[in-house]
Amino acid sequence: DRDVTGVQTCALPISLELYNEPVTDGGVMELRELKELRDLTLSDTKVTDGCTTCLVALRQLRNLFINGTELTDQGLKQLEQLEELESINLGGTKVTEDAIADLRKRRPKLAICQ
């Protein structure tokens, strides 16, 4: 998580890739002030449903790559609050097919990659 510390001081990043980094839910909490963030990659990190409270605060988020994580149906339900979200990658998570089907019904324009 120390790799995430200090990101807040960057000049308003709109895209952040933390692919295959040892980032946990605590590290994601360091991103909560990046209100203009549009693209976030957390693929193959150690995040869980615990990071969703921070992620839903990133109201401008358009693309979220959270594949290869411990995200479950409960966490996905929280992420539905991201009204600007255009695409989400859920491959390799613990999200069930039923939860994805429900999400497709509620958010038909959302691109969902499995």
C-alpha atoms as a PDB file:
ATOM      1  CA  ASP A   1       0.000   0.000   0.000  1.00  0.00           C
ATOM      2  CA  ARG A   2       2.915   2.379   0.381  1.00  0.00           C
ATOM      3  CA  ASP A   3       2.968   2.628  -3.442  1.00  0.00           C
ATOM      4  CA  VAL A   4      -0.444   4.319  -3.273  1.00  0.00           C
ATOM      5  CA  THR A   5       0.511   6.835  -0.598  1.00  0.00           C
ATOM      6  CA  GLY A   6       1.198  10.194  -2.188  1.00  0.00           C
ATOM      7  CA  VAL A   7      -0.973   9.673  -5.256  1.00  0.00           C
ATOM      8  CA  GLN A   8      -3.310  12.341  -3.874  1.00  0.00           C
ATOM      9  CA  THR A   9      -0.630  14.947  -4.434  1.00  0.00           C
ATOM     10  CA  CYS A  10      -0.479  14.290  -8.174  1.00  0.00           C
ATOM     11  CA  ALA A  11      -1.939  16.913 -10.489  1.00  0.00           C
ATOM     12  CA  LEU A  12      -5.511  15.618 -10.722  1.00  0.00           C
ATOM     13  CA  PRO A  13      -4.933  12.239 -12.299  1.00  0.00           C
ATOM     14  CA  ILE A  14      -7.859  11.038 -14.380  1.00  0.00           C
ATOM     15  CA  SER A  15      -6.456   7.558 -14.956  1.00  0.00           C
ATOM     16  CA  LEU A  16      -4.670   5.303 -12.505  1.00  0.00           C
ATOM     17  CA  GLU A  17      -3.356   1.783 -13.096  1.00  0.00           C
ATOM     18  CA  LEU A  18      -2.490  -0.378 -10.114  1.00  0.00           C
ATOM     19  CA  TYR A  19      -2.329  -3.656 -12.010  1.00  0.00           C
ATOM     20  CA  ASN A  20      -0.813  -6.594 -10.147  1.00  0.00           C
ATOM     21  CA  GLU A  21       0.326  -4.417  -7.252  1.00  0.00           C
ATOM     22  CA  PRO A  22       0.120  -5.405  -3.562  1.00  0.00           C
ATOM     23  CA  VAL A  23      -2.739  -2.934  -3.024  1.00  0.00           C
ATOM     24  CA  THR A  24      -5.338  -3.704  -0.360  1.00  0.00           C
ATOM     25  CA  ASP A  25      -8.583  -2.028   0.677  1.00  0.00           C
ATOM     26  CA  GLY A  26      -6.528   0.276   2.887  1.00  0.00           C
ATOM     27  CA  GLY A  27      -4.517   1.420  -0.106  1.00  0.00           C
ATOM     28  CA  VAL A  28      -7.669   2.151  -2.089  1.00  0.00           C
ATOM     29  CA  MET A  29      -8.811   4.392   0.764  1.00  0.00           C
ATOM     30  CA  GLU A  30      -5.839   6.621  -0.077  1.00  0.00           C
ATOM     31  CA  LEU A  31      -7.538   7.355  -3.421  1.00  0.00           C
ATOM     32  CA  ARG A  32     -10.786   8.711  -1.971  1.00  0.00           C
ATOM     33  CA  GLU A  33      -9.862  12.345  -2.647  1.00  0.00           C
ATOM     34  CA  LEU A  34      -9.251  11.767  -6.360  1.00  0.00           C
ATOM     35  CA  LYS A  35     -12.734  12.996  -7.215  1.00  0.00           C
ATOM     36  CA  GLU A  36     -11.922  13.536 -10.915  1.00  0.00           C
ATOM     37  CA  LEU A  37     -10.653   9.990 -11.457  1.00  0.00           C
ATOM     38  CA  ARG A  38     -12.275   8.479 -14.548  1.00  0.00           C
ATOM     39  CA  ASP A  39     -10.353   5.253 -15.162  1.00  0.00           C
ATOM     40  CA  LEU A  40      -9.133   2.946 -12.415  1.00  0.00           C
ATOM     41  CA  THR A  41      -7.351  -0.381 -12.754  1.00  0.00           C
ATOM     42  CA  LEU A  42      -7.193  -2.565  -9.658  1.00  0.00           C
ATOM     43  CA  SER A  43      -6.734  -5.822 -11.585  1.00  0.00           C
ATOM     44  CA  ASP A  44      -5.011  -8.676  -9.763  1.00  0.00           C
ATOM     45  CA  THR A  45      -4.688  -6.764  -6.514  1.00  0.00           C
ATOM     46  CA  LYS A  46      -5.701  -7.776  -2.995  1.00  0.00           C
ATOM     47  CA  VAL A  47      -8.825  -5.630  -2.783  1.00  0.00           C
ATOM     48  CA  THR A  48     -12.143  -6.965  -1.496  1.00  0.00           C
ATOM     49  CA  ASP A  49     -15.662  -5.668  -0.971  1.00  0.00           C
ATOM     50  CA  GLY A  50     -14.162  -3.481   1.740  1.00  0.00           C
ATOM     51  CA  CYS A  51     -12.864  -1.019  -0.860  1.00  0.00           C
ATOM     52  CA  THR A  52     -16.277  -0.333  -2.394  1.00  0.00           C
ATOM     53  CA  THR A  53     -17.155   2.370   0.140  1.00  0.00           C
ATOM     54  CA  CYS A  54     -14.217   4.366  -1.168  1.00  0.00           C
ATOM     55  CA  LEU A  55     -14.853   3.555  -4.815  1.00  0.00           C
ATOM     56  CA  VAL A  56     -18.447   4.807  -4.744  1.00  0.00           C
ATOM     57  CA  ALA A  57     -17.119   8.181  -3.604  1.00  0.00           C
ATOM     58  CA  LEU A  58     -15.304   8.462  -6.957  1.00  0.00           C
ATOM     59  CA  ARG A  59     -18.447   9.766  -8.671  1.00  0.00           C
ATOM     60  CA  GLN A  60     -16.726  10.518 -12.014  1.00  0.00           C
ATOM     61  CA  LEU A  61     -15.447   6.967 -12.463  1.00  0.00           C
ATOM     62  CA  ARG A  62     -16.225   5.728 -15.989  1.00  0.00           C
ATOM     63  CA  ASN A  63     -14.118   2.571 -16.337  1.00  0.00           C
ATOM     64  CA  LEU A  64     -13.272   0.165 -13.541  1.00  0.00           C
ATOM     65  CA  PHE A  65     -11.029  -2.854 -13.944  1.00  0.00           C
ATOM     66  CA  ILE A  66     -11.443  -4.866 -10.769  1.00  0.00           C
ATOM     67  CA  ASN A  67     -10.834  -8.287 -12.291  1.00  0.00           C
ATOM     68  CA  GLY A  68      -8.749 -10.866 -10.465  1.00  0.00           C
ATOM     69  CA  THR A  69      -9.808  -9.580  -7.044  1.00  0.00           C
ATOM     70  CA  GLU A  70     -11.929 -10.857  -4.146  1.00  0.00           C
ATOM     71  CA  LEU A  71     -14.981  -8.777  -5.129  1.00  0.00           C
ATOM     72  CA  THR A  72     -18.296 -10.546  -4.415  1.00  0.00           C
ATOM     73  CA  ASP A  73     -21.964  -9.958  -5.225  1.00  0.00           C
ATOM     74  CA  GLN A  74     -22.245  -7.700  -2.181  1.00  0.00           C
ATOM     75  CA  GLY A  75     -19.427  -5.450  -3.383  1.00  0.00           C
ATOM     76  CA  LEU A  76     -20.856  -5.328  -6.894  1.00  0.00           C
ATOM     77  CA  LYS A  77     -24.178  -4.167  -5.460  1.00  0.00           C
ATOM     78  CA  GLN A  78     -22.353  -1.220  -3.856  1.00  0.00           C
ATOM     79  CA  LEU A  79     -20.637  -0.325  -7.123  1.00  0.00           C
ATOM     80  CA  GLU A  80     -24.027   0.106  -8.805  1.00  0.00           C
ATOM     81  CA  GLN A  81     -24.083   3.531  -7.156  1.00  0.00           C
ATOM     82  CA  LEU A  82     -21.487   4.712  -9.677  1.00  0.00           C
ATOM     83  CA  GLU A  83     -23.935   6.371 -12.053  1.00  0.00           C
ATOM     84  CA  GLU A  84     -21.273   7.501 -14.548  1.00  0.00           C
ATOM     85  CA  LEU A  85     -19.741   4.033 -14.850  1.00  0.00           C
ATOM     86  CA  GLU A  86     -19.616   2.916 -18.494  1.00  0.00           C
ATOM     87  CA  SER A  87     -17.612  -0.307 -18.199  1.00  0.00           C
ATOM     88  CA  ILE A  88     -16.513  -2.753 -15.546  1.00  0.00           C
ATOM     89  CA  ASN A  89     -14.275  -5.809 -15.776  1.00  0.00           C
ATOM     90  CA  LEU A  90     -15.295  -8.548 -13.334  1.00  0.00           C
ATOM     91  CA  GLY A  91     -13.314 -11.503 -14.699  1.00  0.00           C
ATOM     92  CA  GLY A  92     -11.744 -13.690 -12.045  1.00  0.00           C
ATOM     93  CA  THR A  93     -13.772 -12.248  -9.171  1.00  0.00           C
ATOM     94  CA  LYS A  94     -16.192 -14.022  -6.831  1.00  0.00           C
ATOM     95  CA  VAL A  95     -19.174 -12.299  -8.425  1.00  0.00           C
ATOM     96  CA  THR A  96     -21.804 -14.845  -9.472  1.00  0.00           C
ATOM     97  CA  GLU A  97     -23.491 -15.141 -12.855  1.00  0.00           C
ATOM     98  CA  ASP A  98     -26.829 -14.297 -11.191  1.00  0.00           C
ATOM     99  CA  ALA A  99     -25.460 -11.016  -9.837  1.00  0.00           C
ATOM    100  CA  ILE A 100     -24.070 -10.112 -13.254  1.00  0.00           C
ATOM    101  CA  ALA A 101     -27.409 -10.937 -14.903  1.00  0.00           C
ATOM    102  CA  ASP A 102     -29.208  -8.706 -12.388  1.00  0.00           C
ATOM    103  CA  LEU A 103     -26.747  -5.903 -13.058  1.00  0.00           C
ATOM    104  CA  ARG A 104     -27.299  -6.223 -16.809  1.00  0.00           C
ATOM    105  CA  LYS A 105     -31.046  -5.804 -16.251  1.00  0.00           C
ATOM    106  CA  ARG A 106     -30.643  -2.729 -14.058  1.00  0.00           C
ATOM    107  CA  ARG A 107     -27.839  -1.131 -16.096  1.00  0.00           C
ATOM    108  CA  PRO A 108     -28.333  -2.255 -19.714  1.00  0.00           C
ATOM    109  CA  LYS A 109     -25.882   0.318 -21.112  1.00  0.00           C
ATOM    110  CA  LEU A 110     -23.065  -0.726 -18.790  1.00  0.00           C
ATOM    111  CA  ALA A 111     -20.395  -2.771 -20.577  1.00  0.00           C
ATOM    112  CA  ILE A 112     -19.614  -5.761 -18.381  1.00  0.00           C
ATOM    113  CA  CYS A 113     -16.578  -7.884 -19.112  1.00  0.00           C
ATOM    114  CA  GLN A 114     -16.206 -11.251 -17.433  1.00  0.00           C
END
